[in-house]
Amino acid sequence: QVQLVESGGGSVQAGGSLRLSCVASGGTFDSLDIHWSRQAPGKEREFVAAVSWNGAKTYYEESVKGRFSISRDNAKNTVYLQMNSLKPEDTGVYYCHAPRYDSWGQGTQVTVSS
């Protein structure tokens, strides 16, 4: 099993940037693919981005391509989500997820105002 803790959320104006962090403990982090998902008020949770265990492959939901960047530092057991050119529709709770164990963090709130 692995435990995940997100941080870095906050409130920004449209066009601003935030960097989210997901710190893992209790498992073999450097063998795990890690995903970021988000849930907007009144909507279902949706996939945002993913990074392979070694960082060689990344995947993005279409609406965030070119604005968000996922990366990882296995020495620090951390995955990052750099979010630039934020839009109000990016508002939601962002979750870190390790699919192999179906482990989720508690989420971090991102609010983008117009």
PDB file of N, CA and C in Angstrom:
ATOM      1  N   GLN A   1       0.836  -1.188   0.000  1.00  0.00           N
ATOM      2  CA  GLN A   1       0.000   0.000   0.000  1.00  0.00           C
ATOM      3  C   GLN A   1       0.875   1.243   0.000  1.00  0.00           C
ATOM      4  N   VAL A   2       0.313   2.336  -0.425  1.00  0.00           N
ATOM      5  CA  VAL A   2       1.031   3.597  -0.429  1.00  0.00           C
ATOM      6  C   VAL A   2       0.071   4.688   0.037  1.00  0.00           C
ATOM      7  N   GLN A   3       0.575   5.631   0.816  1.00  0.00           N
ATOM      8  CA  GLN A   3      -0.220   6.769   1.261  1.00  0.00           C
ATOM      9  C   GLN A   3       0.209   8.003   0.468  1.00  0.00           C
ATOM     10  N   LEU A   4      -0.763   8.793   0.081  1.00  0.00           N
ATOM     11  CA  LEU A   4      -0.515   9.955  -0.762  1.00  0.00           C
ATOM     12  C   LEU A   4      -1.055  11.212  -0.083  1.00  0.00           C
ATOM     13  N   VAL A   5      -0.257  12.274  -0.121  1.00  0.00           N
ATOM     14  CA  VAL A   5      -0.670  13.545   0.471  1.00  0.00           C
ATOM     15  C   VAL A   5      -0.413  14.668  -0.527  1.00  0.00           C
ATOM     16  N   GLU A   6      -1.494  15.354  -0.906  1.00  0.00           N
ATOM     17  CA  GLU A   6      -1.389  16.459  -1.849  1.00  0.00           C
ATOM     18  C   GLU A   6      -1.226  17.790  -1.122  1.00  0.00           C
ATOM     19  N   SER A   7      -0.606  18.731  -1.787  1.00  0.00           N
ATOM     20  CA  SER A   7      -0.498  20.100  -1.278  1.00  0.00           C
ATOM     21  C   SER A   7      -0.296  21.043  -2.449  1.00  0.00           C
ATOM     22  N   GLY A   8      -0.383  22.337  -2.166  1.00  0.00           N
ATOM     23  CA  GLY A   8      -0.095  23.339  -3.183  1.00  0.00           C
ATOM     24  C   GLY A   8      -1.309  24.019  -3.783  1.00  0.00           C
ATOM     25  N   GLY A   9      -2.515  23.588  -3.403  1.00  0.00           N
ATOM     26  CA  GLY A   9      -3.700  24.240  -3.933  1.00  0.00           C
ATOM     27  C   GLY A   9      -3.847  25.653  -3.396  1.00  0.00           C
ATOM     28  N   GLY A  10      -4.810  26.373  -3.944  1.00  0.00           N
ATOM     29  CA  GLY A  10      -5.051  27.734  -3.503  1.00  0.00           C
ATOM     30  C   GLY A  10      -6.007  28.443  -4.430  1.00  0.00           C
ATOM     31  N   SER A  11      -6.113  29.748  -4.247  1.00  0.00           N
ATOM     32  CA  SER A  11      -6.983  30.576  -5.064  1.00  0.00           C
ATOM     33  C   SER A  11      -6.143  31.508  -5.924  1.00  0.00           C
ATOM     34  N   VAL A  12      -6.413  31.509  -7.213  1.00  0.00           N
ATOM     35  CA  VAL A  12      -5.677  32.363  -8.143  1.00  0.00           C
ATOM     36  C   VAL A  12      -6.660  32.968  -9.141  1.00  0.00           C
ATOM     37  N   GLN A  13      -6.218  34.005  -9.794  1.00  0.00           N
ATOM     38  CA  GLN A  13      -7.012  34.587 -10.866  1.00  0.00           C
ATOM     39  C   GLN A  13      -6.723  33.856 -12.175  1.00  0.00           C
ATOM     40  N   ALA A  14      -7.656  33.951 -13.091  1.00  0.00           N
ATOM     41  CA  ALA A  14      -7.466  33.342 -14.404  1.00  0.00           C
ATOM     42  C   ALA A  14      -6.159  33.835 -15.021  1.00  0.00           C
ATOM     43  N   GLY A  15      -5.441  32.902 -15.626  1.00  0.00           N
ATOM     44  CA  GLY A  15      -4.142  33.206 -16.196  1.00  0.00           C
ATOM     45  C   GLY A  15      -2.985  32.939 -15.256  1.00  0.00           C
ATOM     46  N   GLY A  16      -3.293  32.690 -13.993  1.00  0.00           N
ATOM     47  CA  GLY A  16      -2.253  32.437 -13.011  1.00  0.00           C
ATOM     48  C   GLY A  16      -1.745  31.013 -13.046  1.00  0.00           C
ATOM     49  N   SER A  17      -0.846  30.718 -12.105  1.00  0.00           N
ATOM     50  CA  SER A  17      -0.197  29.408 -12.051  1.00  0.00           C
ATOM     51  C   SER A  17      -0.211  28.865 -10.635  1.00  0.00           C
ATOM     52  N   LEU A  18      -0.207  27.562 -10.534  1.00  0.00           N
ATOM     53  CA  LEU A  18      -0.032  26.851  -9.262  1.00  0.00           C
ATOM     54  C   LEU A  18       0.779  25.594  -9.533  1.00  0.00           C
ATOM     55  N   ARG A  19       1.509  25.142  -8.514  1.00  0.00           N
ATOM     56  CA  ARG A  19       2.181  23.857  -8.607  1.00  0.00           C
ATOM     57  C   ARG A  19       1.704  22.976  -7.471  1.00  0.00           C
ATOM     58  N   LEU A  20       1.112  21.858  -7.828  1.00  0.00           N
ATOM     59  CA  LEU A  20       0.652  20.885  -6.853  1.00  0.00           C
ATOM     60  C   LEU A  20       1.737  19.841  -6.630  1.00  0.00           C
ATOM     61  N   SER A  21       1.792  19.347  -5.397  1.00  0.00           N
ATOM     62  CA  SER A  21       2.730  18.278  -5.050  1.00  0.00           C
ATOM     63  C   SER A  21       1.958  17.114  -4.464  1.00  0.00           C
ATOM     64  N   CYS A  22       2.452  15.926  -4.715  1.00  0.00           N
ATOM     65  CA  CYS A  22       1.889  14.696  -4.148  1.00  0.00           C
ATOM     66  C   CYS A  22       3.055  13.915  -3.575  1.00  0.00           C
ATOM     67  N   VAL A  23       3.087  13.787  -2.261  1.00  0.00           N
ATOM     68  CA  VAL A  23       4.154  13.065  -1.580  1.00  0.00           C
ATOM     69  C   VAL A  23       3.641  11.701  -1.155  1.00  0.00           C
ATOM     70  N   ALA A  24       4.423  10.674  -1.465  1.00  0.00           N
ATOM     71  CA  ALA A  24       4.029   9.301  -1.170  1.00  0.00           C
ATOM     72  C   ALA A  24       4.861   8.728  -0.040  1.00  0.00           C
ATOM     73  N   SER A  25       4.252   7.804   0.690  1.00  0.00           N
ATOM     74  CA  SER A  25       4.967   7.082   1.743  1.00  0.00           C
ATOM     75  C   SER A  25       4.392   5.688   1.862  1.00  0.00           C
ATOM     76  N   GLY A  26       5.205   4.786   2.388  1.00  0.00           N
ATOM     77  CA  GLY A  26       4.707   3.456   2.719  1.00  0.00           C
ATOM     78  C   GLY A  26       4.697   2.457   1.588  1.00  0.00           C
ATOM     79  N   GLY A  27       5.254   2.777   0.453  1.00  0.00           N
ATOM     80  CA  GLY A  27       5.237   1.825  -0.642  1.00  0.00           C
ATOM     81  C   GLY A  27       6.426   2.016  -1.564  1.00  0.00           C
ATOM     82  N   THR A  28       6.464   1.231  -2.615  1.00  0.00           N
ATOM     83  CA  THR A  28       7.556   1.327  -3.584  1.00  0.00           C
ATOM     84  C   THR A  28       7.183   2.362  -4.633  1.00  0.00           C
ATOM     85  N   PHE A  29       7.307   3.633  -4.231  1.00  0.00           N
ATOM     86  CA  PHE A  29       6.848   4.737  -5.064  1.00  0.00           C
ATOM     87  C   PHE A  29       7.479   4.708  -6.445  1.00  0.00           C
ATOM     88  N   ASP A  30       8.756   4.367  -6.508  1.00  0.00           N
ATOM     89  CA  ASP A  30       9.462   4.489  -7.786  1.00  0.00           C
ATOM     90  C   ASP A  30       9.101   3.396  -8.778  1.00  0.00           C
ATOM     91  N   SER A  31       8.148   2.530  -8.421  1.00  0.00           N
ATOM     92  CA  SER A  31       7.653   1.534  -9.373  1.00  0.00           C
ATOM     93  C   SER A  31       6.217   1.828  -9.814  1.00  0.00           C
ATOM     94  N   LEU A  32       5.672   2.939  -9.333  1.00  0.00           N
ATOM     95  CA  LEU A  32       4.252   3.224  -9.551  1.00  0.00           C
ATOM     96  C   LEU A  32       3.990   4.307 -10.581  1.00  0.00           C
ATOM     97  N   ASP A  33       3.055   4.042 -11.498  1.00  0.00           N
ATOM     98  CA  ASP A  33       2.479   5.136 -12.283  1.00  0.00           C
ATOM     99  C   ASP A  33       1.603   5.951 -11.340  1.00  0.00           C
ATOM    100  N   ILE A  34       1.604   7.275 -11.530  1.00  0.00           N
ATOM    101  CA  ILE A  34       0.812   8.155 -10.677  1.00  0.00           C
ATOM    102  C   ILE A  34      -0.075   9.035 -11.559  1.00  0.00           C
ATOM    103  N   HIS A  35      -1.315   9.192 -11.137  1.00  0.00           N
ATOM    104  CA  HIS A  35      -2.281  10.028 -11.851  1.00  0.00           C
ATOM    105  C   HIS A  35      -2.679  11.226 -10.998  1.00  0.00           C
ATOM    106  N   TRP A  36      -3.070  12.288 -11.670  1.00  0.00           N
ATOM    107  CA  TRP A  36      -3.797  13.398 -11.051  1.00  0.00           C
ATOM    108  C   TRP A  36      -5.212  13.402 -11.645  1.00  0.00           C
ATOM    109  N   SER A  37      -6.181  13.559 -10.768  1.00  0.00           N
ATOM    110  CA  SER A  37      -7.581  13.696 -11.187  1.00  0.00           C
ATOM    111  C   SER A  37      -8.160  14.913 -10.492  1.00  0.00           C
ATOM    112  N   ARG A  38      -9.311  15.363 -10.932  1.00  0.00           N
ATOM    113  CA  ARG A  38      -9.965  16.505 -10.285  1.00  0.00           C
ATOM    114  C   ARG A  38     -11.470  16.303 -10.284  1.00  0.00           C
ATOM    115  N   GLN A  39     -12.093  16.981  -9.327  1.00  0.00           N
ATOM    116  CA  GLN A  39     -13.547  16.930  -9.241  1.00  0.00           C
ATOM    117  C   GLN A  39     -14.086  18.327  -9.011  1.00  0.00           C
ATOM    118  N   ALA A  40     -14.845  18.814  -9.982  1.00  0.00           N
ATOM    119  CA  ALA A  40     -15.473  20.122  -9.872  1.00  0.00           C
ATOM    120  C   ALA A  40     -16.797  19.982  -9.127  1.00  0.00           C
ATOM    121  N   PRO A  41     -17.273  21.056  -8.519  1.00  0.00           N
ATOM    122  CA  PRO A  41     -18.545  20.988  -7.797  1.00  0.00           C
ATOM    123  C   PRO A  41     -19.671  20.470  -8.680  1.00  0.00           C
ATOM    124  N   GLY A  42     -20.368  19.449  -8.200  1.00  0.00           N
ATOM    125  CA  GLY A  42     -21.509  18.917  -8.929  1.00  0.00           C
ATOM    126  C   GLY A  42     -21.166  18.042 -10.112  1.00  0.00           C
ATOM    127  N   LYS A  43     -19.882  17.735 -10.277  1.00  0.00           N
ATOM    128  CA  LYS A  43     -19.461  16.915 -11.414  1.00  0.00           C
ATOM    129  C   LYS A  43     -18.711  15.683 -10.931  1.00  0.00           C
ATOM    130  N   GLU A  44     -18.564  14.722 -11.838  1.00  0.00           N
ATOM    131  CA  GLU A  44     -17.815  13.517 -11.507  1.00  0.00           C
ATOM    132  C   GLU A  44     -16.319  13.790 -11.561  1.00  0.00           C
ATOM    133  N   ARG A  45     -15.585  12.978 -10.831  1.00  0.00           N
ATOM    134  CA  ARG A  45     -14.132  13.076 -10.865  1.00  0.00           C
ATOM    135  C   ARG A  45     -13.639  12.725 -12.258  1.00  0.00           C
ATOM    136  N   GLU A  46     -12.629  13.472 -12.741  1.00  0.00           N
ATOM    137  CA  GLU A  46     -12.121  13.233 -14.086  1.00  0.00           C
ATOM    138  C   GLU A  46     -10.596  13.174 -14.084  1.00  0.00           C
ATOM    139  N   PHE A  47     -10.077  12.414 -15.014  1.00  0.00           N
ATOM    140  CA  PHE A  47      -8.632  12.292 -15.203  1.00  0.00           C
ATOM    141  C   PHE A  47      -8.059  13.610 -15.705  1.00  0.00           C
ATOM    142  N   VAL A  48      -6.875  13.976 -15.181  1.00  0.00           N
ATOM    143  CA  VAL A  48      -6.197  15.189 -15.619  1.00  0.00           C
ATOM    144  C   VAL A  48      -4.857  14.867 -16.286  1.00  0.00           C
ATOM    145  N   ALA A  49      -4.039  14.075 -15.609  1.00  0.00           N
ATOM    146  CA  ALA A  49      -2.699  13.791 -16.134  1.00  0.00           C
ATOM    147  C   ALA A  49      -2.145  12.554 -15.451  1.00  0.00           C
ATOM    148  N   ALA A  50      -1.150  11.935 -16.101  1.00  0.00           N
ATOM    149  CA  ALA A  50      -0.501  10.762 -15.530  1.00  0.00           C
ATOM    150  C   ALA A  50       0.969  10.759 -15.923  1.00  0.00           C
ATOM    151  N   VAL A  51       1.756  10.114 -15.070  1.00  0.00           N
ATOM    152  CA  VAL A  51       3.185   9.956 -15.352  1.00  0.00           C
ATOM    153  C   VAL A  51       3.564   8.518 -15.057  1.00  0.00           C
ATOM    154  N   SER A  52       4.394   7.946 -15.925  1.00  0.00           N
ATOM    155  CA  SER A  52       4.829   6.576 -15.721  1.00  0.00           C
ATOM    156  C   SER A  52       5.818   6.489 -14.563  1.00  0.00           C
ATOM    157  N   TRP A  53       6.129   5.270 -14.145  1.00  0.00           N
ATOM    158  CA  TRP A  53       6.943   5.048 -12.951  1.00  0.00           C
ATOM    159  C   TRP A  53       8.296   5.731 -13.019  1.00  0.00           C
ATOM    160  N   ASN A  54       8.869   5.822 -14.217  1.00  0.00           N
ATOM    161  CA  ASN A  54      10.198   6.414 -14.359  1.00  0.00           C
ATOM    162  C   ASN A  54      10.170   7.821 -14.956  1.00  0.00           C
ATOM    163  N   GLY A  55       8.973   8.352 -15.164  1.00  0.00           N
ATOM    164  CA  GLY A  55       8.850   9.692 -15.714  1.00  0.00           C
ATOM    165  C   GLY A  55       8.995   9.775 -17.218  1.00  0.00           C
ATOM    166  N   ALA A  56       9.205   8.640 -17.874  1.00  0.00           N
ATOM    167  CA  ALA A  56       9.479   8.661 -19.311  1.00  0.00           C
ATOM    168  C   ALA A  56       8.243   8.960 -20.140  1.00  0.00           C
ATOM    169  N   LYS A  57       7.071   8.596 -19.618  1.00  0.00           N
ATOM    170  CA  LYS A  57       5.829   8.801 -20.360  1.00  0.00           C
ATOM    171  C   LYS A  57       4.869   9.662 -19.547  1.00  0.00           C
ATOM    172  N   THR A  58       4.237  10.590 -20.228  1.00  0.00           N
ATOM    173  CA  THR A  58       3.224  11.429 -19.600  1.00  0.00           C
ATOM    174  C   THR A  58       1.972  11.459 -20.479  1.00  0.00           C
ATOM    175  N   TYR A  59       0.835  11.673 -19.832  1.00  0.00           N
ATOM    176  CA  TYR A  59      -0.449  11.680 -20.519  1.00  0.00           C
ATOM    177  C   TYR A  59      -1.282  12.831 -19.950  1.00  0.00           C
ATOM    178  N   TYR A  60      -2.085  13.454 -20.829  1.00  0.00           N
ATOM    179  CA  TYR A  60      -2.878  14.599 -20.397  1.00  0.00           C
ATOM    180  C   TYR A  60      -4.291  14.534 -20.960  1.00  0.00           C
ATOM    181  N   GLU A  61      -5.228  14.996 -20.166  1.00  0.00           N
ATOM    182  CA  GLU A  61      -6.581  15.224 -20.654  1.00  0.00           C
ATOM    183  C   GLU A  61      -6.511  16.372 -21.653  1.00  0.00           C
ATOM    184  N   GLU A  62      -7.342  16.293 -22.672  1.00  0.00           N
ATOM    185  CA  GLU A  62      -7.219  17.218 -23.792  1.00  0.00           C
ATOM    186  C   GLU A  62      -7.263  18.681 -23.385  1.00  0.00           C
ATOM    187  N   SER A  63      -8.121  19.026 -22.443  1.00  0.00           N
ATOM    188  CA  SER A  63      -8.316  20.435 -22.114  1.00  0.00           C
ATOM    189  C   SER A  63      -7.133  21.059 -21.367  1.00  0.00           C
ATOM    190  N   VAL A  64      -6.219  20.233 -20.866  1.00  0.00           N
ATOM    191  CA  VAL A  64      -5.083  20.788 -20.122  1.00  0.00           C
ATOM    192  C   VAL A  64      -3.775  20.686 -20.890  1.00  0.00           C
ATOM    193  N   LYS A  65      -3.800  20.047 -22.056  1.00  0.00           N
ATOM    194  CA  LYS A  65      -2.580  19.924 -22.856  1.00  0.00           C
ATOM    195  C   LYS A  65      -2.020  21.307 -23.195  1.00  0.00           C
ATOM    196  N   GLY A  66      -0.715  21.442 -23.025  1.00  0.00           N
ATOM    197  CA  GLY A  66      -0.066  22.711 -23.311  1.00  0.00           C
ATOM    198  C   GLY A  66      -0.103  23.700 -22.163  1.00  0.00           C
ATOM    199  N   ARG A  67      -0.913  23.420 -21.130  1.00  0.00           N
ATOM    200  CA  ARG A  67      -1.002  24.302 -19.961  1.00  0.00           C
ATOM    201  C   ARG A  67      -0.490  23.629 -18.695  1.00  0.00           C
ATOM    202  N   PHE A  68      -0.716  22.340 -18.550  1.00  0.00           N
ATOM    203  CA  PHE A  68      -0.297  21.592 -17.369  1.00  0.00           C
ATOM    204  C   PHE A  68       0.901  20.714 -17.723  1.00  0.00           C
ATOM    205  N   SER A  69       1.736  20.474 -16.717  1.00  0.00           N
ATOM    206  CA  SER A  69       2.888  19.600 -16.906  1.00  0.00           C
ATOM    207  C   SER A  69       3.051  18.732 -15.667  1.00  0.00           C
ATOM    208  N   ILE A  70       3.112  17.406 -15.875  1.00  0.00           N
ATOM    209  CA  ILE A  70       3.303  16.475 -14.765  1.00  0.00           C
ATOM    210  C   ILE A  70       4.736  15.987 -14.777  1.00  0.00           C
ATOM    211  N   SER A  71       5.308  15.858 -13.596  1.00  0.00           N
ATOM    212  CA  SER A  71       6.678  15.372 -13.478  1.00  0.00           C
ATOM    213  C   SER A  71       6.831  14.679 -12.135  1.00  0.00           C
ATOM    214  N   ARG A  72       7.978  14.020 -11.932  1.00  0.00           N
ATOM    215  CA  ARG A  72       8.184  13.327 -10.664  1.00  0.00           C
ATOM    216  C   ARG A  72       9.649  13.374 -10.295  1.00  0.00           C
ATOM    217  N   ASP A  73       9.879  13.256  -8.995  1.00  0.00           N
ATOM    218  CA  ASP A  73      11.221  13.145  -8.434  1.00  0.00           C
ATOM    219  C   ASP A  73      11.196  11.926  -7.520  1.00  0.00           C
ATOM    220  N   ASN A  74      11.669  10.811  -8.019  1.00  0.00           N
ATOM    221  CA  ASN A  74      11.586   9.576  -7.234  1.00  0.00           C
ATOM    222  C   ASN A  74      12.477   9.621  -5.992  1.00  0.00           C
ATOM    223  N   ALA A  75      13.514  10.413  -6.026  1.00  0.00           N
ATOM    224  CA  ALA A  75      14.376  10.547  -4.843  1.00  0.00           C
ATOM    225  C   ALA A  75      13.631  11.217  -3.692  1.00  0.00           C
ATOM    226  N   LYS A  76      12.602  12.002  -4.032  1.00  0.00           N
ATOM    227  CA  LYS A  76      11.802  12.699  -3.025  1.00  0.00           C
ATOM    228  C   LYS A  76      10.411  12.095  -2.868  1.00  0.00           C
ATOM    229  N   ASN A  77      10.156  10.975  -3.544  1.00  0.00           N
ATOM    230  CA  ASN A  77       8.834  10.331  -3.487  1.00  0.00           C
ATOM    231  C   ASN A  77       7.723  11.327  -3.802  1.00  0.00           C
ATOM    232  N   THR A  78       7.945  12.168  -4.795  1.00  0.00           N
ATOM    233  CA  THR A  78       7.017  13.259  -5.073  1.00  0.00           C
ATOM    234  C   THR A  78       6.687  13.350  -6.557  1.00  0.00           C
ATOM    235  N   VAL A  79       5.408  13.597  -6.818  1.00  0.00           N
ATOM    236  CA  VAL A  79       4.933  13.919  -8.164  1.00  0.00           C
ATOM    237  C   VAL A  79       4.399  15.344  -8.143  1.00  0.00           C
ATOM    238  N   TYR A  80       4.685  16.078  -9.204  1.00  0.00           N
ATOM    239  CA  TYR A  80       4.263  17.470  -9.309  1.00  0.00           C
ATOM    240  C   TYR A  80       3.279  17.646 -10.451  1.00  0.00           C
ATOM    241  N   LEU A  81       2.408  18.624 -10.300  1.00  0.00           N
ATOM    242  CA  LEU A  81       1.545  19.051 -11.398  1.00  0.00           C
ATOM    243  C   LEU A  81       1.671  20.565 -11.500  1.00  0.00           C
ATOM    244  N   GLN A  82       2.410  21.011 -12.512  1.00  0.00           N
ATOM    245  CA  GLN A  82       2.556  22.436 -12.766  1.00  0.00           C
ATOM    246  C   GLN A  82       1.394  22.888 -13.631  1.00  0.00           C
ATOM    247  N   MET A  83       0.640  23.853 -13.148  1.00  0.00           N
ATOM    248  CA  MET A  83      -0.559  24.315 -13.846  1.00  0.00           C
ATOM    249  C   MET A  83      -0.387  25.791 -14.203  1.00  0.00           C
ATOM    250  N   ASN A  84      -0.327  26.065 -15.490  1.00  0.00           N
ATOM    251  CA  ASN A  84      -0.177  27.431 -15.989  1.00  0.00           C
ATOM    252  C   ASN A  84      -1.424  27.844 -16.761  1.00  0.00           C
ATOM    253  N   SER A  85      -1.547  29.127 -16.998  1.00  0.00           N
ATOM    254  CA  SER A  85      -2.689  29.665 -17.764  1.00  0.00           C
ATOM    255  C   SER A  85      -4.006  29.106 -17.250  1.00  0.00           C
ATOM    256  N   LEU A  86      -4.169  29.150 -15.940  1.00  0.00           N
ATOM    257  CA  LEU A  86      -5.354  28.553 -15.327  1.00  0.00           C
ATOM    258  C   LEU A  86      -6.631  29.261 -15.759  1.00  0.00           C
ATOM    259  N   LYS A  87      -7.699  28.480 -15.873  1.00  0.00           N
ATOM    260  CA  LYS A  87      -9.007  28.966 -16.280  1.00  0.00           C
ATOM    261  C   LYS A  87     -10.018  28.676 -15.166  1.00  0.00           C
ATOM    262  N   PRO A  88     -11.112  29.418 -15.114  1.00  0.00           N
ATOM    263  CA  PRO A  88     -12.124  29.131 -14.094  1.00  0.00           C
ATOM    264  C   PRO A  88     -12.623  27.691 -14.139  1.00  0.00           C
ATOM    265  N   GLU A  89     -12.654  27.102 -15.322  1.00  0.00           N
ATOM    266  CA  GLU A  89     -13.117  25.710 -15.436  1.00  0.00           C
ATOM    267  C   GLU A  89     -12.123  24.701 -14.878  1.00  0.00           C
ATOM    268  N   ASP A  90     -10.951  25.137 -14.483  1.00  0.00           N
ATOM    269  CA  ASP A  90      -9.983  24.262 -13.808  1.00  0.00           C
ATOM    270  C   ASP A  90     -10.283  24.151 -12.316  1.00  0.00           C
ATOM    271  N   THR A  91     -11.229  24.905 -11.827  1.00  0.00           N
ATOM    272  CA  THR A  91     -11.583  24.876 -10.401  1.00  0.00           C
ATOM    273  C   THR A  91     -12.059  23.495  -9.984  1.00  0.00           C
ATOM    274  N   GLY A  92     -11.595  23.052  -8.823  1.00  0.00           N
ATOM    275  CA  GLY A  92     -12.029  21.773  -8.293  1.00  0.00           C
ATOM    276  C   GLY A  92     -11.061  21.273  -7.245  1.00  0.00           C
ATOM    277  N   VAL A  93     -11.361  20.089  -6.740  1.00  0.00           N
ATOM    278  CA  VAL A  93     -10.453  19.419  -5.811  1.00  0.00           C
ATOM    279  C   VAL A  93      -9.580  18.477  -6.639  1.00  0.00           C
ATOM    280  N   TYR A  94      -8.284  18.615  -6.469  1.00  0.00           N
ATOM    281  CA  TYR A  94      -7.320  17.819  -7.220  1.00  0.00           C
ATOM    282  C   TYR A  94      -6.796  16.684  -6.343  1.00  0.00           C
ATOM    283  N   TYR A  95      -6.815  15.473  -6.918  1.00  0.00           N
ATOM    284  CA  TYR A  95      -6.426  14.271  -6.189  1.00  0.00           C
ATOM    285  C   TYR A  95      -5.258  13.572  -6.872  1.00  0.00           C
ATOM    286  N   CYS A  96      -4.401  13.049  -6.056  1.00  0.00           N
ATOM    287  CA  CYS A  96      -3.313  12.193  -6.500  1.00  0.00           C
ATOM    288  C   CYS A  96      -3.780  10.744  -6.358  1.00  0.00           C
ATOM    289  N   HIS A  97      -3.397   9.897  -7.322  1.00  0.00           N
ATOM    290  CA  HIS A  97      -3.926   8.527  -7.343  1.00  0.00           C
ATOM    291  C   HIS A  97      -2.864   7.557  -7.807  1.00  0.00           C
ATOM    292  N   ALA A  98      -2.727   6.461  -7.082  1.00  0.00           N
ATOM    293  CA  ALA A  98      -1.837   5.367  -7.485  1.00  0.00           C
ATOM    294  C   ALA A  98      -2.717   4.208  -7.903  1.00  0.00           C
ATOM    295  N   PRO A  99      -2.951   4.006  -9.200  1.00  0.00           N
ATOM    296  CA  PRO A  99      -3.904   2.998  -9.658  1.00  0.00           C
ATOM    297  C   PRO A  99      -3.576   1.570  -9.219  1.00  0.00           C
ATOM    298  N   ARG A 100      -2.293   1.250  -9.089  1.00  0.00           N
ATOM    299  CA  ARG A 100      -1.946  -0.133  -8.757  1.00  0.00           C
ATOM    300  C   ARG A 100      -2.577  -0.551  -7.438  1.00  0.00           C
ATOM    301  N   TYR A 101      -2.588   0.376  -6.464  1.00  0.00           N
ATOM    302  CA  TYR A 101      -3.166   0.077  -5.156  1.00  0.00           C
ATOM    303  C   TYR A 101      -4.530   0.731  -4.976  1.00  0.00           C
ATOM    304  N   ASP A 102      -4.985   1.436  -5.993  1.00  0.00           N
ATOM    305  CA  ASP A 102      -6.207   2.235  -5.883  1.00  0.00           C
ATOM    306  C   ASP A 102      -6.141   3.126  -4.639  1.00  0.00           C
ATOM    307  N   SER A 103      -4.998   3.746  -4.435  1.00  0.00           N
ATOM    308  CA  SER A 103      -4.803   4.659  -3.310  1.00  0.00           C
ATOM    309  C   SER A 103      -5.018   6.087  -3.775  1.00  0.00           C
ATOM    310  N   TRP A 104      -5.740   6.840  -2.957  1.00  0.00           N
ATOM    311  CA  TRP A 104      -6.039   8.236  -3.257  1.00  0.00           C
ATOM    312  C   TRP A 104      -5.594   9.117  -2.105  1.00  0.00           C
ATOM    313  N   GLY A 105      -5.170  10.327  -2.407  1.00  0.00           N
ATOM    314  CA  GLY A 105      -4.914  11.316  -1.379  1.00  0.00           C
ATOM    315  C   GLY A 105      -6.210  11.967  -0.943  1.00  0.00           C
ATOM    316  N   GLN A 106      -6.084  12.932  -0.025  1.00  0.00           N
ATOM    317  CA  GLN A 106      -7.262  13.587   0.515  1.00  0.00           C
ATOM    318  C   GLN A 106      -7.737  14.743  -0.371  1.00  0.00           C
ATOM    319  N   GLY A 107      -6.894  15.155  -1.296  1.00  0.00           N
ATOM    320  CA  GLY A 107      -7.253  16.206  -2.237  1.00  0.00           C
ATOM    321  C   GLY A 107      -6.789  17.580  -1.794  1.00  0.00           C
ATOM    322  N   THR A 108      -6.608  18.462  -2.749  1.00  0.00           N
ATOM    323  CA  THR A 108      -6.252  19.855  -2.471  1.00  0.00           C
ATOM    324  C   THR A 108      -7.107  20.746  -3.376  1.00  0.00           C
ATOM    325  N   GLN A 109      -7.664  21.804  -2.792  1.00  0.00           N
ATOM    326  CA  GLN A 109      -8.607  22.651  -3.507  1.00  0.00           C
ATOM    327  C   GLN A 109      -7.881  23.665  -4.390  1.00  0.00           C
ATOM    328  N   VAL A 110      -8.341  23.762  -5.628  1.00  0.00           N
ATOM    329  CA  VAL A 110      -7.866  24.785  -6.560  1.00  0.00           C
ATOM    330  C   VAL A 110      -9.069  25.621  -6.991  1.00  0.00           C
ATOM    331  N   THR A 111      -8.973  26.922  -6.801  1.00  0.00           N
ATOM    332  CA  THR A 111     -10.049  27.826  -7.180  1.00  0.00           C
ATOM    333  C   THR A 111      -9.490  28.900  -8.108  1.00  0.00           C
ATOM    334  N   VAL A 112     -10.072  29.004  -9.296  1.00  0.00           N
ATOM    335  CA  VAL A 112      -9.622  29.986 -10.276  1.00  0.00           C
ATOM    336  C   VAL A 112     -10.760  30.961 -10.531  1.00  0.00           C
ATOM    337  N   SER A 113     -10.521  32.235 -10.261  1.00  0.00           N
ATOM    338  CA  SER A 113     -11.557  33.250 -10.446  1.00  0.00           C
ATOM    339  C   SER A 113     -11.325  34.018 -11.742  1.00  0.00           C
ATOM    340  N   SER A 114     -12.412  34.464 -12.313  1.00  0.00           N
ATOM    341  CA  SER A 114     -12.314  35.183 -13.595  1.00  0.00           C
ATOM    342  C   SER A 114     -12.106  36.664 -13.369  1.00  0.00           C
TER     343      SER A 114
END
